[in-house]
Amino acid sequence: MVVHYASANATTIACLDRLFYSTGFDKRMKVGASVVVARRGGCSSTFDELNKYFTICGMPVASSKYWNSVHGREKGEANKDLEGLQTLRALARNMTFLMKSIALGKEQFGLPDEEEWQPTHFIR
């Protein structure tokens, strides 16, 4: 995800809104991870914005050793962000481990029970 004005761009958000709201498949226990790229600032706010899609659907979010971001403006500049690339390699290893662990857990224990939704409105 490329960051614009400390946020994901509107086209991406519209796509994610539709994808996460309208798809009928069960997303619980599917591992999610967001990766953001920016010239300078806005990575952490965009990272937070994208991870909310995963958590609202009951998806475990794979972590790394830092926020999943790299910095660069022009094509190829992100490849020079050695710390960012190290963070993404750690993310890949952690995500792989988490997916394998969940698969083994499902096989042995099944999915966690899910309660029926009890909608609450804050204005009474």
C-alpha atoms as a PDB file:
ATOM      1  CA  MET A   1       0.000   0.000   0.000  1.00  0.00           C
ATOM      2  CA  VAL A   2       1.419   3.343  -1.007  1.00  0.00           C
ATOM      3  CA  VAL A   3       0.708   6.160   1.459  1.00  0.00           C
ATOM      4  CA  HIS A   4      -0.826   9.447   0.335  1.00  0.00           C
ATOM      5  CA  TYR A   5      -1.548  12.216   2.880  1.00  0.00           C
ATOM      6  CA  ALA A   6      -0.889   9.850   5.815  1.00  0.00           C
ATOM      7  CA  SER A   7      -3.597   7.478   4.633  1.00  0.00           C
ATOM      8  CA  ALA A   8      -4.365   4.746   2.156  1.00  0.00           C
ATOM      9  CA  ASN A   9      -5.709   6.161  -1.100  1.00  0.00           C
ATOM     10  CA  ALA A  10      -9.474   6.339  -1.623  1.00  0.00           C
ATOM     11  CA  THR A  11      -9.554   3.687  -4.351  1.00  0.00           C
ATOM     12  CA  THR A  12      -7.870   1.163  -2.083  1.00  0.00           C
ATOM     13  CA  ILE A  13     -10.166   1.970   0.846  1.00  0.00           C
ATOM     14  CA  ALA A  14     -13.259   1.666  -1.384  1.00  0.00           C
ATOM     15  CA  CYS A  15     -12.009  -1.714  -2.608  1.00  0.00           C
ATOM     16  CA  LEU A  16     -11.298  -2.936   0.932  1.00  0.00           C
ATOM     17  CA  ASP A  17     -14.677  -1.689   2.189  1.00  0.00           C
ATOM     18  CA  ARG A  18     -16.451  -3.672  -0.500  1.00  0.00           C
ATOM     19  CA  LEU A  19     -14.219  -6.723  -0.218  1.00  0.00           C
ATOM     20  CA  PHE A  20     -14.494  -7.050   3.540  1.00  0.00           C
ATOM     21  CA  TYR A  21     -18.201  -6.178   3.742  1.00  0.00           C
ATOM     22  CA  SER A  22     -19.651  -8.011   0.779  1.00  0.00           C
ATOM     23  CA  THR A  23     -17.697 -11.255   0.547  1.00  0.00           C
ATOM     24  CA  GLY A  24     -19.452 -14.231   2.022  1.00  0.00           C
ATOM     25  CA  PHE A  25     -16.497 -16.411   2.904  1.00  0.00           C
ATOM     26  CA  ASP A  26     -15.481 -16.825   6.546  1.00  0.00           C
ATOM     27  CA  LYS A  27     -12.388 -14.726   7.238  1.00  0.00           C
ATOM     28  CA  ARG A  28     -11.917 -15.877  10.829  1.00  0.00           C
ATOM     29  CA  MET A  29      -8.453 -17.257  11.515  1.00  0.00           C
ATOM     30  CA  LYS A  30      -7.153 -16.222   8.086  1.00  0.00           C
ATOM     31  CA  VAL A  31      -3.872 -14.436   8.743  1.00  0.00           C
ATOM     32  CA  GLY A  32      -3.627 -10.821   7.613  1.00  0.00           C
ATOM     33  CA  ALA A  33      -0.766  -8.369   7.347  1.00  0.00           C
ATOM     34  CA  SER A  34      -0.479  -4.898   5.900  1.00  0.00           C
ATOM     35  CA  VAL A  35       2.637  -3.380   4.384  1.00  0.00           C
ATOM     36  CA  VAL A  36       2.935   0.324   3.623  1.00  0.00           C
ATOM     37  CA  VAL A  37       5.398   2.403   1.627  1.00  0.00           C
ATOM     38  CA  ALA A  38       5.878   6.163   1.984  1.00  0.00           C
ATOM     39  CA  ARG A  39       8.442   8.773   1.127  1.00  0.00           C
ATOM     40  CA  ARG A  40       8.624   9.922   4.734  1.00  0.00           C
ATOM     41  CA  GLY A  41       5.663  10.118   7.068  1.00  0.00           C
ATOM     42  CA  GLY A  42       2.235   8.552   7.329  1.00  0.00           C
ATOM     43  CA  CYS A  43       3.267   4.921   7.516  1.00  0.00           C
ATOM     44  CA  SER A  44       2.060   4.233  11.045  1.00  0.00           C
ATOM     45  CA  SER A  45      -1.371   5.841  10.568  1.00  0.00           C
ATOM     46  CA  THR A  46      -1.923   3.940   7.314  1.00  0.00           C
ATOM     47  CA  PHE A  47      -0.672   0.710   8.899  1.00  0.00           C
ATOM     48  CA  ASP A  48      -3.230   1.174  11.696  1.00  0.00           C
ATOM     49  CA  GLU A  49      -5.988   2.006   9.200  1.00  0.00           C
ATOM     50  CA  LEU A  50      -5.408  -1.166   7.179  1.00  0.00           C
ATOM     51  CA  ASN A  51      -5.081  -3.520  10.150  1.00  0.00           C
ATOM     52  CA  LYS A  52      -8.587  -2.603  11.307  1.00  0.00           C
ATOM     53  CA  TYR A  53     -10.016  -4.529   8.358  1.00  0.00           C
ATOM     54  CA  PHE A  54      -8.401  -7.684   9.690  1.00  0.00           C
ATOM     55  CA  THR A  55      -9.347  -7.299  13.333  1.00  0.00           C
ATOM     56  CA  ILE A  56     -13.019  -6.544  12.649  1.00  0.00           C
ATOM     57  CA  CYS A  57     -13.257  -9.861  10.788  1.00  0.00           C
ATOM     58  CA  GLY A  58     -11.588 -11.984  13.465  1.00  0.00           C
ATOM     59  CA  MET A  59      -8.379 -12.334  11.493  1.00  0.00           C
ATOM     60  CA  PRO A  60      -5.107 -12.715  13.402  1.00  0.00           C
ATOM     61  CA  VAL A  61      -2.656  -9.998  12.359  1.00  0.00           C
ATOM     62  CA  ALA A  62       0.901 -11.123  11.733  1.00  0.00           C
ATOM     63  CA  SER A  63       3.487  -8.910  13.372  1.00  0.00           C
ATOM     64  CA  SER A  64       7.123  -8.213  12.737  1.00  0.00           C
ATOM     65  CA  LYS A  65       9.861  -6.538  14.747  1.00  0.00           C
ATOM     66  CA  TYR A  66       8.591  -3.055  13.834  1.00  0.00           C
ATOM     67  CA  TRP A  67       5.720  -1.558  11.846  1.00  0.00           C
ATOM     68  CA  ASN A  68       5.527  -3.157   8.403  1.00  0.00           C
ATOM     69  CA  SER A  69       6.781  -0.268   6.333  1.00  0.00           C
ATOM     70  CA  VAL A  70       9.539   0.740   3.987  1.00  0.00           C
ATOM     71  CA  HIS A  71      10.519   4.187   2.785  1.00  0.00           C
ATOM     72  CA  GLY A  72      11.104   5.370  -0.743  1.00  0.00           C
ATOM     73  CA  ARG A  73       9.759   7.852  -3.236  1.00  0.00           C
ATOM     74  CA  GLU A  74      10.976   6.829  -6.653  1.00  0.00           C
ATOM     75  CA  LYS A  75      10.875   3.356  -8.187  1.00  0.00           C
ATOM     76  CA  GLY A  76      13.531   1.155  -6.568  1.00  0.00           C
ATOM     77  CA  GLU A  77      14.245   3.457  -3.609  1.00  0.00           C
ATOM     78  CA  ALA A  78      12.434   1.181  -1.156  1.00  0.00           C
ATOM     79  CA  ASN A  79      15.020  -1.496  -1.999  1.00  0.00           C
ATOM     80  CA  LYS A  80      17.630   0.707  -0.304  1.00  0.00           C
ATOM     81  CA  ASP A  81      15.737   0.792   3.017  1.00  0.00           C
ATOM     82  CA  LEU A  82      17.691  -2.040   4.645  1.00  0.00           C
ATOM     83  CA  GLU A  83      15.896  -1.803   7.983  1.00  0.00           C
ATOM     84  CA  GLY A  84      12.505  -1.792   6.264  1.00  0.00           C
ATOM     85  CA  LEU A  85      13.420  -4.831   4.194  1.00  0.00           C
ATOM     86  CA  GLN A  86      14.638  -6.620   7.323  1.00  0.00           C
ATOM     87  CA  THR A  87      11.285  -5.846   8.949  1.00  0.00           C
ATOM     88  CA  LEU A  88       9.444  -7.348   5.958  1.00  0.00           C
ATOM     89  CA  ARG A  89      11.582 -10.496   6.016  1.00  0.00           C
ATOM     90  CA  ALA A  90      10.737 -10.933   9.710  1.00  0.00           C
ATOM     91  CA  LEU A  91       7.074 -10.403   8.833  1.00  0.00           C
ATOM     92  CA  ALA A  92       7.256 -13.142   6.186  1.00  0.00           C
ATOM     93  CA  ARG A  93       8.802 -15.594   8.652  1.00  0.00           C
ATOM     94  CA  ASN A  94       6.305 -14.727  11.403  1.00  0.00           C
ATOM     95  CA  MET A  95       3.348 -14.892   9.030  1.00  0.00           C
ATOM     96  CA  THR A  96       4.430 -18.296   7.748  1.00  0.00           C
ATOM     97  CA  PHE A  97       4.827 -19.597  11.300  1.00  0.00           C
ATOM     98  CA  LEU A  98       1.429 -18.207  12.317  1.00  0.00           C
ATOM     99  CA  MET A  99      -0.361 -19.743   9.318  1.00  0.00           C
ATOM    100  CA  LYS A 100       1.232 -23.149   9.986  1.00  0.00           C
ATOM    101  CA  SER A 101       0.376 -22.918  13.692  1.00  0.00           C
ATOM    102  CA  ILE A 102      -3.249 -22.040  12.977  1.00  0.00           C
ATOM    103  CA  ALA A 103      -3.521 -24.890  10.465  1.00  0.00           C
ATOM    104  CA  LEU A 104      -2.235 -27.342  13.081  1.00  0.00           C
ATOM    105  CA  GLY A 105      -4.552 -25.873  15.698  1.00  0.00           C
ATOM    106  CA  LYS A 106      -7.592 -26.158  13.411  1.00  0.00           C
ATOM    107  CA  GLU A 107      -6.686 -29.752  12.661  1.00  0.00           C
ATOM    108  CA  GLN A 108      -6.372 -30.671  16.343  1.00  0.00           C
ATOM    109  CA  PHE A 109      -8.918 -28.368  18.017  1.00  0.00           C
ATOM    110  CA  GLY A 110     -11.124 -26.850  15.313  1.00  0.00           C
ATOM    111  CA  LEU A 111     -12.067 -23.178  15.195  1.00  0.00           C
ATOM    112  CA  PRO A 112     -13.051 -21.264  18.321  1.00  0.00           C
ATOM    113  CA  ASP A 113     -16.802 -21.167  18.969  1.00  0.00           C
ATOM    114  CA  GLU A 114     -18.510 -18.070  17.678  1.00  0.00           C
ATOM    115  CA  GLU A 115     -21.318 -16.401  19.587  1.00  0.00           C
ATOM    116  CA  GLU A 116     -24.419 -15.062  17.898  1.00  0.00           C
ATOM    117  CA  TRP A 117     -24.074 -11.341  17.175  1.00  0.00           C
ATOM    118  CA  GLN A 118     -25.783  -9.112  19.722  1.00  0.00           C
ATOM    119  CA  PRO A 119     -25.986  -5.675  18.077  1.00  0.00           C
ATOM    120  CA  THR A 120     -25.835  -2.793  20.499  1.00  0.00           C
ATOM    121  CA  HIS A 121     -26.771   0.766  19.632  1.00  0.00           C
ATOM    122  CA  PHE A 122     -25.185   3.443  21.772  1.00  0.00           C
ATOM    123  CA  ILE A 123     -28.100   5.840  21.463  1.00  0.00           C
ATOM    124  CA  ARG A 124     -31.040   4.516  23.410  1.00  0.00           C
END
